[in-house]
């Protein structure tokens, strides 16, 4: 019983670090990207990056909250719903991150096909 809680907390802490590493490049991308008012394509890419950043930021909050609850003793084998909800959010965020980070490259490829 205790082993699954420890592995859940370790997974949560790993996700927290991973999400922080996801937020850092996105902040850099947004700070270096051209103004979204110049073209509709840039505005689309900007909107997707903001969407990804928002989900990653919420994921950081959920992971931190889960870690705090685990360290203060509020998480047990019978009351670990916080970690389960956080895990669902992290899984969704991972998928969104992959799609969102690939979006500008796919969008550029669509523009090159003459479509």
C-alpha atoms as a PDB file:
ATOM      1  CA  UNK A   1       0.000   0.000   0.000  1.00  0.00           C
ATOM      2  CA  UNK A   2       2.662   2.474   1.017  1.00  0.00           C
ATOM      3  CA  UNK A   3       4.775   1.733  -2.075  1.00  0.00           C
ATOM      4  CA  UNK A   4       2.044   2.852  -4.453  1.00  0.00           C
ATOM      5  CA  UNK A   5       1.688   6.163  -2.608  1.00  0.00           C
ATOM      6  CA  UNK A   6       5.425   6.753  -2.682  1.00  0.00           C
ATOM      7  CA  UNK A   7       5.549   5.991  -6.400  1.00  0.00           C
ATOM      8  CA  UNK A   8       2.574   8.310  -6.977  1.00  0.00           C
ATOM      9  CA  UNK A   9       4.342  11.098  -5.122  1.00  0.00           C
ATOM     10  CA  UNK A  10       7.549  10.439  -7.042  1.00  0.00           C
ATOM     11  CA  UNK A  11       5.593  10.510 -10.290  1.00  0.00           C
ATOM     12  CA  UNK A  12       3.952  13.761  -9.212  1.00  0.00           C
ATOM     13  CA  UNK A  13       7.312  15.353  -8.422  1.00  0.00           C
ATOM     14  CA  UNK A  14       8.705  14.169 -11.764  1.00  0.00           C
ATOM     15  CA  UNK A  15       5.695  15.663 -13.532  1.00  0.00           C
ATOM     16  CA  UNK A  16       6.200  18.938 -11.713  1.00  0.00           C
ATOM     17  CA  UNK A  17       9.790  19.140 -12.942  1.00  0.00           C
ATOM     18  CA  UNK A  18       8.731  18.111 -16.439  1.00  0.00           C
ATOM     19  CA  UNK A  19       6.020  20.731 -16.592  1.00  0.00           C
ATOM     20  CA  UNK A  20       8.427  23.414 -15.446  1.00  0.00           C
ATOM     21  CA  UNK A  21      10.753  22.395 -18.278  1.00  0.00           C
ATOM     22  CA  UNK A  22       7.770  22.603 -20.632  1.00  0.00           C
ATOM     23  CA  UNK A  23       6.877  26.102 -19.491  1.00  0.00           C
ATOM     24  CA  UNK A  24      10.404  27.490 -19.907  1.00  0.00           C
ATOM     25  CA  UNK A  25      10.681  26.969 -23.699  1.00  0.00           C
ATOM     26  CA  UNK A  26       7.134  28.170 -24.216  1.00  0.00           C
ATOM     27  CA  UNK A  27       7.830  31.393 -22.364  1.00  0.00           C
ATOM     28  CA  UNK A  28      10.919  31.853 -24.531  1.00  0.00           C
ATOM     29  CA  UNK A  29       8.962  31.100 -27.714  1.00  0.00           C
ATOM     30  CA  UNK A  30       6.254  33.582 -26.802  1.00  0.00           C
ATOM     31  CA  UNK A  31       8.750  36.281 -25.859  1.00  0.00           C
ATOM     32  CA  UNK A  32      10.662  35.878 -29.129  1.00  0.00           C
ATOM     33  CA  UNK A  33       7.731  35.378 -31.495  1.00  0.00           C
ATOM     34  CA  UNK A  34       6.541  38.206 -33.726  1.00  0.00           C
ATOM     35  CA  UNK A  35       3.463  40.158 -32.807  1.00  0.00           C
ATOM     36  CA  UNK A  36       0.310  38.131 -33.422  1.00  0.00           C
ATOM     37  CA  UNK A  37      -1.375  41.172 -34.975  1.00  0.00           C
ATOM     38  CA  UNK A  38       0.799  41.013 -38.100  1.00  0.00           C
ATOM     39  CA  UNK A  39      -0.670  37.843 -39.674  1.00  0.00           C
ATOM     40  CA  UNK A  40      -3.488  35.425 -38.974  1.00  0.00           C
ATOM     41  CA  UNK A  41      -1.099  32.463 -39.070  1.00  0.00           C
ATOM     42  CA  UNK A  42       1.050  34.009 -36.348  1.00  0.00           C
ATOM     43  CA  UNK A  43      -2.037  34.750 -34.297  1.00  0.00           C
ATOM     44  CA  UNK A  44      -3.076  31.088 -34.571  1.00  0.00           C
ATOM     45  CA  UNK A  45       0.326  29.860 -33.449  1.00  0.00           C
ATOM     46  CA  UNK A  46       0.332  32.384 -30.605  1.00  0.00           C
ATOM     47  CA  UNK A  47      -3.126  31.268 -29.448  1.00  0.00           C
ATOM     48  CA  UNK A  48      -2.102  27.589 -29.443  1.00  0.00           C
ATOM     49  CA  UNK A  49       1.045  28.386 -27.457  1.00  0.00           C
ATOM     50  CA  UNK A  50      -0.939  30.354 -24.896  1.00  0.00           C
ATOM     51  CA  UNK A  51      -3.355  27.405 -24.625  1.00  0.00           C
ATOM     52  CA  UNK A  52      -0.445  25.017 -24.017  1.00  0.00           C
ATOM     53  CA  UNK A  53       1.134  27.346 -21.466  1.00  0.00           C
ATOM     54  CA  UNK A  54      -2.133  27.690 -19.591  1.00  0.00           C
ATOM     55  CA  UNK A  55      -2.537  23.927 -19.319  1.00  0.00           C
ATOM     56  CA  UNK A  56       1.091  23.446 -18.289  1.00  0.00           C
ATOM     57  CA  UNK A  57       0.754  26.156 -15.634  1.00  0.00           C
ATOM     58  CA  UNK A  58      -2.375  24.530 -14.229  1.00  0.00           C
ATOM     59  CA  UNK A  59      -0.494  21.221 -14.263  1.00  0.00           C
ATOM     60  CA  UNK A  60       2.320  22.785 -12.226  1.00  0.00           C
ATOM     61  CA  UNK A  61      -0.215  24.011  -9.669  1.00  0.00           C
ATOM     62  CA  UNK A  62      -1.920  20.593  -9.458  1.00  0.00           C
ATOM     63  CA  UNK A  63       1.405  18.766  -9.137  1.00  0.00           C
ATOM     64  CA  UNK A  64       2.607  21.160  -6.449  1.00  0.00           C
ATOM     65  CA  UNK A  65      -0.682  20.815  -4.590  1.00  0.00           C
ATOM     66  CA  UNK A  66      -0.471  17.017  -4.757  1.00  0.00           C
ATOM     67  CA  UNK A  67       3.096  17.080  -3.465  1.00  0.00           C
ATOM     68  CA  UNK A  68       2.150  19.424  -0.648  1.00  0.00           C
ATOM     69  CA  UNK A  69      -0.791  17.203   0.351  1.00  0.00           C
ATOM     70  CA  UNK A  70       1.421  14.110   0.271  1.00  0.00           C
ATOM     71  CA  UNK A  71       4.184  15.702   2.363  1.00  0.00           C
ATOM     72  CA  UNK A  72       1.766  17.024   4.968  1.00  0.00           C
ATOM     73  CA  UNK A  73       0.112  13.618   5.371  1.00  0.00           C
ATOM     74  CA  UNK A  74      -3.265  14.319   3.774  1.00  0.00           C
ATOM     75  CA  UNK A  75      -2.775  11.619   1.134  1.00  0.00           C
ATOM     76  CA  UNK A  76      -3.252   8.017   2.180  1.00  0.00           C
ATOM     77  CA  UNK A  77      -4.107   4.779   0.438  1.00  0.00           C
ATOM     78  CA  UNK A  78      -7.809   5.452   0.958  1.00  0.00           C
ATOM     79  CA  UNK A  79      -7.761   9.163   0.146  1.00  0.00           C
ATOM     80  CA  UNK A  80      -5.549   9.621  -2.885  1.00  0.00           C
ATOM     81  CA  UNK A  81      -8.108  11.132  -5.246  1.00  0.00           C
ATOM     82  CA  UNK A  82      -6.060  14.346  -5.472  1.00  0.00           C
ATOM     83  CA  UNK A  83      -3.216  12.437  -7.107  1.00  0.00           C
ATOM     84  CA  UNK A  84      -5.590  10.631  -9.467  1.00  0.00           C
ATOM     85  CA  UNK A  85      -7.167  13.882 -10.642  1.00  0.00           C
ATOM     86  CA  UNK A  86      -3.736  15.431 -11.035  1.00  0.00           C
ATOM     87  CA  UNK A  87      -2.566  12.430 -13.037  1.00  0.00           C
ATOM     88  CA  UNK A  88      -5.504  12.727 -15.444  1.00  0.00           C
ATOM     89  CA  UNK A  89      -4.718  16.407 -15.947  1.00  0.00           C
ATOM     90  CA  UNK A  90      -1.009  15.657 -16.489  1.00  0.00           C
ATOM     91  CA  UNK A  91      -1.803  13.012 -19.103  1.00  0.00           C
ATOM     92  CA  UNK A  92      -4.066  15.417 -20.980  1.00  0.00           C
ATOM     93  CA  UNK A  93      -1.481  18.186 -20.697  1.00  0.00           C
ATOM     94  CA  UNK A  94       1.252  15.939 -22.083  1.00  0.00           C
ATOM     95  CA  UNK A  95      -0.847  15.262 -25.178  1.00  0.00           C
ATOM     96  CA  UNK A  96      -1.697  18.958 -25.556  1.00  0.00           C
ATOM     97  CA  UNK A  97       1.984  19.876 -25.155  1.00  0.00           C
ATOM     98  CA  UNK A  98       3.062  17.532 -27.926  1.00  0.00           C
ATOM     99  CA  UNK A  99       0.361  18.775 -30.280  1.00  0.00           C
ATOM    100  CA  UNK A 100       0.922  22.409 -29.371  1.00  0.00           C
ATOM    101  CA  UNK A 101       4.672  22.282 -29.786  1.00  0.00           C
ATOM    102  CA  UNK A 102       4.335  20.551 -33.157  1.00  0.00           C
ATOM    103  CA  UNK A 103       1.607  22.925 -34.357  1.00  0.00           C
ATOM    104  CA  UNK A 104       3.847  25.677 -35.791  1.00  0.00           C
ATOM    105  CA  UNK A 105       5.847  23.151 -37.828  1.00  0.00           C
ATOM    106  CA  UNK A 106       2.719  21.476 -39.173  1.00  0.00           C
ATOM    107  CA  UNK A 107       1.176  24.861 -39.877  1.00  0.00           C
ATOM    108  CA  UNK A 108       4.261  25.936 -41.809  1.00  0.00           C
ATOM    109  CA  UNK A 109       4.192  22.716 -43.851  1.00  0.00           C
ATOM    110  CA  UNK A 110       0.549  23.342 -44.739  1.00  0.00           C
ATOM    111  CA  UNK A 111       1.474  26.802 -45.988  1.00  0.00           C
ATOM    112  CA  UNK A 112       4.230  25.388 -48.204  1.00  0.00           C
ATOM    113  CA  UNK A 113       1.891  23.021 -50.031  1.00  0.00           C
ATOM    114  CA  UNK A 114       0.116  25.928 -51.663  1.00  0.00           C
ATOM    115  CA  UNK A 115      -3.158  25.174 -49.900  1.00  0.00           C
END
